[in-house]
């Protein structure tokens, strides 16, 4: 088998792995979105390592794809790929895989953007709550709590509330 066919077969294999990893990433991002919508931040601890592993895997696969494209004399960009596709020796499966990779990548990007918006919304709500609780105005509830989360109010020396 010549180098061209070997490298295009390797490229097909890499793209298939990228598609699979990207689909897995989308599933993790969907889980992350549910956690964010339901305000279950503690569940992010189990999702984040998986997401990080998938992102690291995708970076490695992208490097492999770039290396394989370089061996084919093609740049790792849209123009390079389209130039490669103009070669009559390229089969339609490779083209289909490229288009599928672009689609799942766009889907993952959109899902990640949505999750970022949800995170920012929650951060803004948390900051607004902190601002109220740490407000310096003695007539507001914020003057009750310090930066350490402890009450600033001093207990009175009186009897307080007597039940009974």
C-alpha atoms as a PDB file:
ATOM      1  CA  UNK A   1       0.000   0.000   0.000  1.00  0.00           C
ATOM      2  CA  UNK A   2       1.429   3.427  -0.829  1.00  0.00           C
ATOM      3  CA  UNK A   3       1.946   6.266   1.664  1.00  0.00           C
ATOM      4  CA  UNK A   4      -1.090   8.185   0.423  1.00  0.00           C
ATOM      5  CA  UNK A   5      -3.477   5.299   1.065  1.00  0.00           C
ATOM      6  CA  UNK A   6      -1.833   4.473   4.386  1.00  0.00           C
ATOM      7  CA  UNK A   7      -2.116   8.072   5.571  1.00  0.00           C
ATOM      8  CA  UNK A   8      -5.692   8.519   4.388  1.00  0.00           C
ATOM      9  CA  UNK A   9      -6.652   5.275   6.159  1.00  0.00           C
ATOM     10  CA  UNK A  10      -4.950   6.611   9.314  1.00  0.00           C
ATOM     11  CA  UNK A  11      -6.781   9.924   8.874  1.00  0.00           C
ATOM     12  CA  UNK A  12     -10.096   8.057   8.651  1.00  0.00           C
ATOM     13  CA  UNK A  13      -9.266   6.173  11.844  1.00  0.00           C
ATOM     14  CA  UNK A  14      -8.339   9.389  13.683  1.00  0.00           C
ATOM     15  CA  UNK A  15     -11.501  11.180  12.550  1.00  0.00           C
ATOM     16  CA  UNK A  16     -13.640   8.244  13.665  1.00  0.00           C
ATOM     17  CA  UNK A  17     -11.981   8.406  17.098  1.00  0.00           C
ATOM     18  CA  UNK A  18     -12.497  12.186  17.216  1.00  0.00           C
ATOM     19  CA  UNK A  19     -16.183  11.810  16.363  1.00  0.00           C
ATOM     20  CA  UNK A  20     -16.644   9.208  19.087  1.00  0.00           C
ATOM     21  CA  UNK A  21     -14.798  11.327  21.677  1.00  0.00           C
ATOM     22  CA  UNK A  22     -16.756  14.427  20.671  1.00  0.00           C
ATOM     23  CA  UNK A  23     -20.056  12.545  21.012  1.00  0.00           C
ATOM     24  CA  UNK A  24     -18.959  11.432  24.484  1.00  0.00           C
ATOM     25  CA  UNK A  25     -18.093  15.035  25.323  1.00  0.00           C
ATOM     26  CA  UNK A  26     -21.566  16.151  24.219  1.00  0.00           C
ATOM     27  CA  UNK A  27     -23.115  13.577  26.568  1.00  0.00           C
ATOM     28  CA  UNK A  28     -20.992  14.872  29.456  1.00  0.00           C
ATOM     29  CA  UNK A  29     -21.903  18.471  28.585  1.00  0.00           C
ATOM     30  CA  UNK A  30     -25.587  17.515  28.602  1.00  0.00           C
ATOM     31  CA  UNK A  31     -25.147  15.957  32.067  1.00  0.00           C
ATOM     32  CA  UNK A  32     -23.323  19.095  33.176  1.00  0.00           C
ATOM     33  CA  UNK A  33     -26.200  21.220  31.911  1.00  0.00           C
ATOM     34  CA  UNK A  34     -28.742  19.223  33.934  1.00  0.00           C
ATOM     35  CA  UNK A  35     -26.599  19.630  37.038  1.00  0.00           C
ATOM     36  CA  UNK A  36     -26.330  23.380  36.432  1.00  0.00           C
ATOM     37  CA  UNK A  37     -30.048  23.820  35.741  1.00  0.00           C
ATOM     38  CA  UNK A  38     -30.936  21.831  38.877  1.00  0.00           C
ATOM     39  CA  UNK A  39     -28.344  23.756  40.925  1.00  0.00           C
ATOM     40  CA  UNK A  40     -26.587  20.555  42.040  1.00  0.00           C
ATOM     41  CA  UNK A  41     -23.029  21.879  42.073  1.00  0.00           C
ATOM     42  CA  UNK A  42     -21.749  18.983  44.176  1.00  0.00           C
ATOM     43  CA  UNK A  43     -22.360  16.655  41.212  1.00  0.00           C
ATOM     44  CA  UNK A  44     -19.907  18.667  39.103  1.00  0.00           C
ATOM     45  CA  UNK A  45     -17.080  16.987  41.024  1.00  0.00           C
ATOM     46  CA  UNK A  46     -17.799  13.700  39.260  1.00  0.00           C
ATOM     47  CA  UNK A  47     -18.371  15.269  35.836  1.00  0.00           C
ATOM     48  CA  UNK A  48     -15.374  17.600  35.655  1.00  0.00           C
ATOM     49  CA  UNK A  49     -12.628  14.907  35.612  1.00  0.00           C
ATOM     50  CA  UNK A  50     -14.392  13.003  32.834  1.00  0.00           C
ATOM     51  CA  UNK A  51     -14.791  16.199  30.829  1.00  0.00           C
ATOM     52  CA  UNK A  52     -11.103  17.016  31.317  1.00  0.00           C
ATOM     53  CA  UNK A  53     -10.050  13.535  30.189  1.00  0.00           C
ATOM     54  CA  UNK A  54     -12.174  13.795  27.050  1.00  0.00           C
ATOM     55  CA  UNK A  55     -10.777  17.237  26.237  1.00  0.00           C
ATOM     56  CA  UNK A  56      -7.213  15.947  26.668  1.00  0.00           C
ATOM     57  CA  UNK A  57      -8.030  12.993  24.403  1.00  0.00           C
ATOM     58  CA  UNK A  58      -9.467  15.351  21.771  1.00  0.00           C
ATOM     59  CA  UNK A  59      -6.348  17.522  21.869  1.00  0.00           C
ATOM     60  CA  UNK A  60      -4.171  14.447  21.352  1.00  0.00           C
ATOM     61  CA  UNK A  61      -6.341  13.238  18.462  1.00  0.00           C
ATOM     62  CA  UNK A  62      -6.234  16.678  16.858  1.00  0.00           C
ATOM     63  CA  UNK A  63      -2.423  16.593  17.054  1.00  0.00           C
ATOM     64  CA  UNK A  64      -2.435  13.158  15.421  1.00  0.00           C
ATOM     65  CA  UNK A  65      -4.731  14.443  12.681  1.00  0.00           C
ATOM     66  CA  UNK A  66      -2.475  17.447  12.090  1.00  0.00           C
ATOM     67  CA  UNK A  67       0.556  15.161  11.864  1.00  0.00           C
ATOM     68  CA  UNK A  68      -1.171  12.812   9.422  1.00  0.00           C
ATOM     69  CA  UNK A  69      -2.361  15.722   7.285  1.00  0.00           C
ATOM     70  CA  UNK A  70       1.178  17.087   7.285  1.00  0.00           C
ATOM     71  CA  UNK A  71       2.427  13.732   5.998  1.00  0.00           C
ATOM     72  CA  UNK A  72      -0.108  14.119   3.209  1.00  0.00           C
ATOM     73  CA  UNK A  73       1.249  17.603   2.490  1.00  0.00           C
ATOM     74  CA  UNK A  74      -1.953  19.273   3.696  1.00  0.00           C
ATOM     75  CA  UNK A  75      -2.506  22.032   6.256  1.00  0.00           C
ATOM     76  CA  UNK A  76      -4.701  21.227   9.252  1.00  0.00           C
ATOM     77  CA  UNK A  77      -7.377  23.779   8.379  1.00  0.00           C
ATOM     78  CA  UNK A  78     -10.548  23.942   6.316  1.00  0.00           C
ATOM     79  CA  UNK A  79      -8.717  24.987   3.143  1.00  0.00           C
ATOM     80  CA  UNK A  80      -6.224  22.140   3.517  1.00  0.00           C
ATOM     81  CA  UNK A  81      -8.937  19.565   4.095  1.00  0.00           C
ATOM     82  CA  UNK A  82     -10.998  20.782   1.146  1.00  0.00           C
ATOM     83  CA  UNK A  83      -7.891  20.695  -0.999  1.00  0.00           C
ATOM     84  CA  UNK A  84      -7.320  17.096   0.049  1.00  0.00           C
ATOM     85  CA  UNK A  85     -10.918  16.248  -0.797  1.00  0.00           C
ATOM     86  CA  UNK A  86     -10.400  17.455  -4.338  1.00  0.00           C
ATOM     87  CA  UNK A  87      -8.008  14.522  -4.832  1.00  0.00           C
ATOM     88  CA  UNK A  88      -9.837  11.807  -6.752  1.00  0.00           C
ATOM     89  CA  UNK A  89      -8.218   9.097  -4.591  1.00  0.00           C
ATOM     90  CA  UNK A  90     -10.130  10.273  -1.490  1.00  0.00           C
ATOM     91  CA  UNK A  91     -13.178   8.152  -0.748  1.00  0.00           C
ATOM     92  CA  UNK A  92     -16.551   9.561   0.196  1.00  0.00           C
ATOM     93  CA  UNK A  93     -16.425   8.003   3.678  1.00  0.00           C
ATOM     94  CA  UNK A  94     -13.541  10.298   4.659  1.00  0.00           C
ATOM     95  CA  UNK A  95     -15.493  13.323   3.428  1.00  0.00           C
ATOM     96  CA  UNK A  96     -18.583  12.206   5.346  1.00  0.00           C
ATOM     97  CA  UNK A  97     -16.526  11.691   8.497  1.00  0.00           C
ATOM     98  CA  UNK A  98     -15.067  15.194   8.180  1.00  0.00           C
ATOM     99  CA  UNK A  99     -18.529  16.728   7.862  1.00  0.00           C
ATOM    100  CA  UNK A 100     -19.790  14.670  10.795  1.00  0.00           C
ATOM    101  CA  UNK A 101     -16.781  15.798  12.867  1.00  0.00           C
ATOM    102  CA  UNK A 102     -17.567  19.429  12.032  1.00  0.00           C
ATOM    103  CA  UNK A 103     -21.205  18.913  13.049  1.00  0.00           C
ATOM    104  CA  UNK A 104     -20.501  17.238  16.389  1.00  0.00           C
ATOM    105  CA  UNK A 105     -17.805  19.827  17.110  1.00  0.00           C
ATOM    106  CA  UNK A 106     -20.294  22.634  16.505  1.00  0.00           C
ATOM    107  CA  UNK A 107     -22.866  20.861  18.695  1.00  0.00           C
ATOM    108  CA  UNK A 108     -20.318  20.499  21.511  1.00  0.00           C
ATOM    109  CA  UNK A 109     -19.292  24.132  21.152  1.00  0.00           C
ATOM    110  CA  UNK A 110     -22.915  25.273  21.431  1.00  0.00           C
ATOM    111  CA  UNK A 111     -23.567  23.013  24.426  1.00  0.00           C
ATOM    112  CA  UNK A 112     -20.423  24.348  26.118  1.00  0.00           C
ATOM    113  CA  UNK A 113     -21.484  27.944  25.391  1.00  0.00           C
ATOM    114  CA  UNK A 114     -24.889  27.281  26.956  1.00  0.00           C
ATOM    115  CA  UNK A 115     -23.278  25.753  30.035  1.00  0.00           C
ATOM    116  CA  UNK A 116     -20.995  28.778  30.317  1.00  0.00           C
ATOM    117  CA  UNK A 117     -24.044  31.046  30.311  1.00  0.00           C
ATOM    118  CA  UNK A 118     -25.646  28.950  33.047  1.00  0.00           C
ATOM    119  CA  UNK A 119     -22.472  29.116  35.134  1.00  0.00           C
ATOM    120  CA  UNK A 120     -22.242  32.886  34.711  1.00  0.00           C
ATOM    121  CA  UNK A 121     -25.896  33.289  35.663  1.00  0.00           C
ATOM    122  CA  UNK A 122     -25.330  31.293  38.851  1.00  0.00           C
ATOM    123  CA  UNK A 123     -22.161  33.258  39.648  1.00  0.00           C
ATOM    124  CA  UNK A 124     -24.073  36.527  39.258  1.00  0.00           C
ATOM    125  CA  UNK A 125     -26.839  35.295  41.561  1.00  0.00           C
ATOM    126  CA  UNK A 126     -24.274  34.186  44.143  1.00  0.00           C
ATOM    127  CA  UNK A 127     -22.456  37.513  43.938  1.00  0.00           C
ATOM    128  CA  UNK A 128     -25.706  39.447  44.351  1.00  0.00           C
ATOM    129  CA  UNK A 129     -26.543  37.359  47.413  1.00  0.00           C
ATOM    130  CA  UNK A 130     -23.084  37.962  48.883  1.00  0.00           C
ATOM    131  CA  UNK A 131     -23.408  41.674  48.220  1.00  0.00           C
ATOM    132  CA  UNK A 132     -26.653  41.806  50.189  1.00  0.00           C
ATOM    133  CA  UNK A 133     -25.247  39.734  53.050  1.00  0.00           C
ATOM    134  CA  UNK A 134     -22.036  41.766  53.268  1.00  0.00           C
ATOM    135  CA  UNK A 135     -23.618  45.181  52.805  1.00  0.00           C
ATOM    136  CA  UNK A 136     -22.317  47.879  55.114  1.00  0.00           C
ATOM    137  CA  UNK A 137     -25.738  49.474  55.641  1.00  0.00           C
ATOM    138  CA  UNK A 138     -26.748  48.702  59.213  1.00  0.00           C
ATOM    139  CA  UNK A 139     -30.407  48.743  58.223  1.00  0.00           C
ATOM    140  CA  UNK A 140     -29.975  45.806  55.888  1.00  0.00           C
ATOM    141  CA  UNK A 141     -29.555  42.128  56.617  1.00  0.00           C
ATOM    142  CA  UNK A 142     -26.065  42.325  55.082  1.00  0.00           C
ATOM    143  CA  UNK A 143     -24.611  44.005  58.102  1.00  0.00           C
ATOM    144  CA  UNK A 144     -25.206  40.797  60.033  1.00  0.00           C
ATOM    145  CA  UNK A 145     -22.447  38.730  58.380  1.00  0.00           C
ATOM    146  CA  UNK A 146     -18.724  39.206  58.000  1.00  0.00           C
ATOM    147  CA  UNK A 147     -16.357  37.881  55.350  1.00  0.00           C
ATOM    148  CA  UNK A 148     -15.899  34.704  57.407  1.00  0.00           C
ATOM    149  CA  UNK A 149     -19.645  34.009  57.262  1.00  0.00           C
ATOM    150  CA  UNK A 150     -20.041  34.552  61.004  1.00  0.00           C
ATOM    151  CA  UNK A 151     -22.588  36.871  62.529  1.00  0.00           C
ATOM    152  CA  UNK A 152     -21.415  40.408  63.255  1.00  0.00           C
ATOM    153  CA  UNK A 153     -24.212  40.899  65.756  1.00  0.00           C
ATOM    154  CA  UNK A 154     -23.110  40.917  69.373  1.00  0.00           C
ATOM    155  CA  UNK A 155     -25.290  39.058  71.820  1.00  0.00           C
ATOM    156  CA  UNK A 156     -27.091  41.333  74.201  1.00  0.00           C
ATOM    157  CA  UNK A 157     -26.443  41.084  77.904  1.00  0.00           C
ATOM    158  CA  UNK A 158     -30.155  40.978  78.558  1.00  0.00           C
ATOM    159  CA  UNK A 159     -32.260  37.890  79.017  1.00  0.00           C
ATOM    160  CA  UNK A 160     -33.244  37.609  75.357  1.00  0.00           C
ATOM    161  CA  UNK A 161     -36.350  35.665  74.473  1.00  0.00           C
ATOM    162  CA  UNK A 162     -37.973  33.710  77.216  1.00  0.00           C
ATOM    163  CA  UNK A 163     -40.240  30.875  76.180  1.00  0.00           C
ATOM    164  CA  UNK A 164     -42.783  29.437  78.391  1.00  0.00           C
END
